[in-house]
Structures are given as C-alpha cells and as structure tokens.
Amino acid sequence: MKLVTSIVVMAVLFITNSVIAQEKASITAEVINVTSDSGKVGFALYDKASFMLKPIQASNAKIVEGKSLVTFENVPFGEYAIICYHDKNDNDKMDFSSNGMPTEDYGASNNVMTFGPPTFEGAKFAVSEKNVSLKIKF
C-alpha cells in the first residue's frame, strides 16, 4: 500500500510540475533601428503593478549592425510591457537634457510613441501558451 501511495504522490507531483512549467514562456525583444553600434541597449520587462518602477527582469544587450536582441526566460503568463533605451555612453542610465527631454533614443513594446513617457496601456502585450517575439523601434 505504501508503494502505491508513493507512486501516486510522485505522479501528482510530476503532473503538477509539468503544468506549472507550461504556464511560463519566453519573450524575445529586438530593437531593429539603433542608430549606431556604440554603447548598448538596456531592456526592462514590467507588469502593470511594476511599470516604470522596478522591472520584473532587466538585461543589457550588445548592438550589432543596428540591432539588439534580448530574451526574458520563464515569464509567467500574463500582461507585460517592455521599455528599452540606447545607452550610447555606457553609463547604465538614460540621460536627459536640462529641460527633461531624453538625450538617448528609447522605445516600448507595440511601438506606440506619444509626446511623453510610454504608458502601460500603450505598450502592453499578452504572454499565454507560447513564446512571444517582439520588434521594437526607437
């Protein structure tokens, strides 16, 4: 009887872990129009609660022939937004002029750009059932 119980428990754990693993995906984001190969591109992944505060995941990527690519792994299903910027001078922050305007190029998922910072509603996309691939323009 203990053997049967152990087998059942192991089977349930295996199935549960498989279901949990299937509820995550990867997000590949590529900036396709970087103006130079100097510096790097910083990428930040947000959900609605963390938007423009602390990213869920963040990464920097090299620029090769005007393109930069990053992949966020093990992202739970849900709605997300990505903001990225060209860190031309490699100082790990986005630079602004004295009047508050950015001096480095930036973009967001869905490529919705307005006069002002990106919004979650404009940049959001869904992650569900399969991996997501995005092309972002500055």
Protein backbone atom coordinates (compact mmCIF):
# COMPACT_ATOMS: atom_id res chain seq x y z
CA MET A 1 0.00 0.00 0.00
CA LYS A 2 2.86 2.40 0.79
CA LEU A 3 4.33 1.70 -2.63
CA VAL A 4 1.06 2.57 -4.36
CA THR A 5 0.71 5.76 -2.30
CA SER A 6 4.29 6.76 -3.11
CA ILE A 7 3.73 6.19 -6.83
CA VAL A 8 0.51 8.23 -6.77
CA VAL A 9 2.19 11.10 -4.90
CA MET A 10 5.13 11.11 -7.32
CA ALA A 11 2.78 11.09 -10.31
CA VAL A 12 0.79 14.03 -8.91
CA LEU A 13 3.99 16.00 -8.24
CA PHE A 14 5.26 15.26 -11.76
CA ILE A 15 1.99 16.35 -13.36
CA THR A 16 1.80 19.47 -11.17
CA ASN A 17 5.35 20.47 -12.06
CA SER A 18 4.63 19.89 -15.75
CA VAL A 19 1.54 22.10 -15.60
CA ILE A 20 3.42 24.85 -13.75
CA ALA A 21 6.29 24.69 -16.25
CA GLN A 22 3.81 25.04 -19.11
CA GLU A 23 2.40 28.27 -17.63
CA LYS A 24 5.59 30.15 -18.43
CA ALA A 25 7.06 31.35 -21.68
CA SER A 26 9.96 33.34 -23.04
CA ILE A 27 9.84 36.83 -24.53
CA THR A 28 12.35 37.81 -27.21
CA ALA A 29 12.60 41.54 -27.88
CA GLU A 30 14.66 43.01 -30.70
CA VAL A 31 15.35 46.67 -31.37
CA ILE A 32 15.73 46.90 -35.14
CA ASN A 33 16.81 50.51 -35.79
CA VAL A 34 19.60 51.51 -33.41
CA THR A 35 21.42 54.50 -34.92
CA SER A 36 24.93 53.30 -34.02
CA ASP A 37 26.69 50.23 -32.65
CA SER A 38 28.28 52.21 -29.80
CA GLY A 39 27.13 51.53 -26.25
CA LYS A 40 24.39 49.01 -25.56
CA VAL A 41 20.62 48.71 -25.35
CA GLY A 42 19.01 48.37 -21.94
CA PHE A 43 15.76 46.38 -21.78
CA ALA A 44 13.27 46.28 -18.89
CA LEU A 45 10.24 43.98 -18.55
CA TYR A 46 7.30 45.20 -16.46
CA ASP A 47 3.84 44.10 -15.42
CA LYS A 48 1.13 46.67 -14.67
CA ALA A 49 1.98 46.95 -10.95
CA SER A 50 5.71 47.47 -11.54
CA PHE A 51 5.51 49.64 -14.67
CA MET A 52 8.30 52.25 -14.74
CA LEU A 53 9.20 51.44 -11.12
CA LYS A 54 11.24 48.26 -10.68
CA PRO A 55 11.41 45.85 -13.63
CA ILE A 56 10.48 42.20 -13.22
CA GLN A 57 13.51 41.36 -15.36
CA ALA A 58 16.13 43.59 -16.95
CA SER A 59 19.00 43.00 -19.33
CA ASN A 60 21.54 44.80 -21.48
CA ALA A 61 22.47 43.68 -24.96
CA LYS A 62 25.18 44.47 -27.48
CA ILE A 63 24.34 46.26 -30.69
CA VAL A 64 25.34 44.57 -33.93
CA GLU A 65 24.65 46.26 -37.26
CA GLY A 66 21.94 48.45 -35.74
CA LYS A 67 20.11 45.62 -33.99
CA SER A 68 19.98 44.48 -30.38
CA LEU A 69 18.30 41.34 -29.03
CA VAL A 70 17.41 40.03 -25.58
CA THR A 71 15.33 37.11 -24.30
CA PHE A 72 13.47 37.09 -20.99
CA GLU A 73 13.04 33.48 -19.78
CA ASN A 74 10.46 31.80 -17.51
CA VAL A 75 7.90 34.59 -17.69
CA PRO A 76 4.55 33.58 -16.15
CA PHE A 77 1.50 34.01 -18.37
CA GLY A 78 0.00 37.49 -18.10
CA GLU A 79 0.24 41.03 -19.49
CA TYR A 80 3.58 42.79 -19.78
CA ALA A 81 5.31 45.79 -21.33
CA ILE A 82 8.94 46.35 -22.35
CA ILE A 83 10.78 49.66 -22.33
CA CYS A 84 14.26 49.92 -23.81
CA TYR A 85 16.82 52.65 -24.45
CA HIS A 86 20.12 53.14 -26.27
CA ASP A 87 22.78 53.65 -23.61
CA LYS A 88 25.18 55.36 -26.02
CA ASN A 89 27.72 56.33 -23.36
CA ASP A 90 27.59 53.07 -21.34
CA ASN A 91 26.71 54.80 -18.06
CA ASP A 92 23.84 52.37 -17.25
CA LYS A 93 21.16 55.05 -17.15
CA MET A 94 19.04 57.03 -19.56
CA ASP A 95 20.34 60.56 -19.95
CA PHE A 96 18.16 63.68 -20.07
CA SER A 97 18.77 67.30 -21.03
CA SER A 98 18.23 70.14 -18.55
CA ASN A 99 14.65 70.58 -19.80
CA GLY A 100 13.81 66.93 -19.05
CA MET A 101 13.87 65.64 -22.62
CA PRO A 102 15.71 62.35 -23.21
CA THR A 103 19.06 62.65 -25.00
CA GLU A 104 19.18 58.92 -25.80
CA ASP A 105 16.81 57.01 -28.06
CA TYR A 106 14.14 54.86 -26.43
CA GLY A 107 11.22 52.68 -27.38
CA ALA A 108 8.50 50.46 -25.98
CA SER A 109 6.67 47.30 -26.95
CA ASN A 110 3.91 47.87 -29.54
CA ASN A 111 5.88 50.90 -30.82
CA VAL A 112 3.23 53.32 -29.52
CA MET A 113 5.12 56.58 -29.03
CA THR A 114 3.47 59.75 -27.82
CA PHE A 115 4.71 63.09 -26.54
CA GLY A 116 5.64 61.91 -23.09
CA PRO A 117 6.76 58.69 -21.46
CA PRO A 118 5.37 55.32 -22.58
CA THR A 119 2.20 54.07 -20.89
CA PHE A 120 1.45 50.52 -19.81
CA GLU A 121 -1.80 50.55 -21.80
CA GLY A 122 0.04 51.56 -24.97
CA ALA A 123 2.88 49.09 -24.52
CA LYS A 124 1.14 46.03 -23.04
CA PHE A 125 1.09 42.63 -24.71
CA ALA A 126 -0.10 39.19 -23.60
CA VAL A 127 2.01 36.16 -22.81
CA SER A 128 -0.01 32.96 -22.99
CA GLU A 129 0.53 29.43 -24.22
CA LYS A 130 3.55 30.20 -26.44
CA ASN A 131 6.71 32.24 -26.61
CA VAL A 132 6.47 35.87 -27.71
CA SER A 133 8.71 37.68 -30.19
CA LEU A 134 8.63 41.49 -30.50
CA LYS A 135 10.30 44.02 -32.76
CA ILE A 136 10.75 47.44 -31.17
CA LYS A 137 11.66 50.68 -32.93
CA PHE A 138 13.30 53.72 -31.38
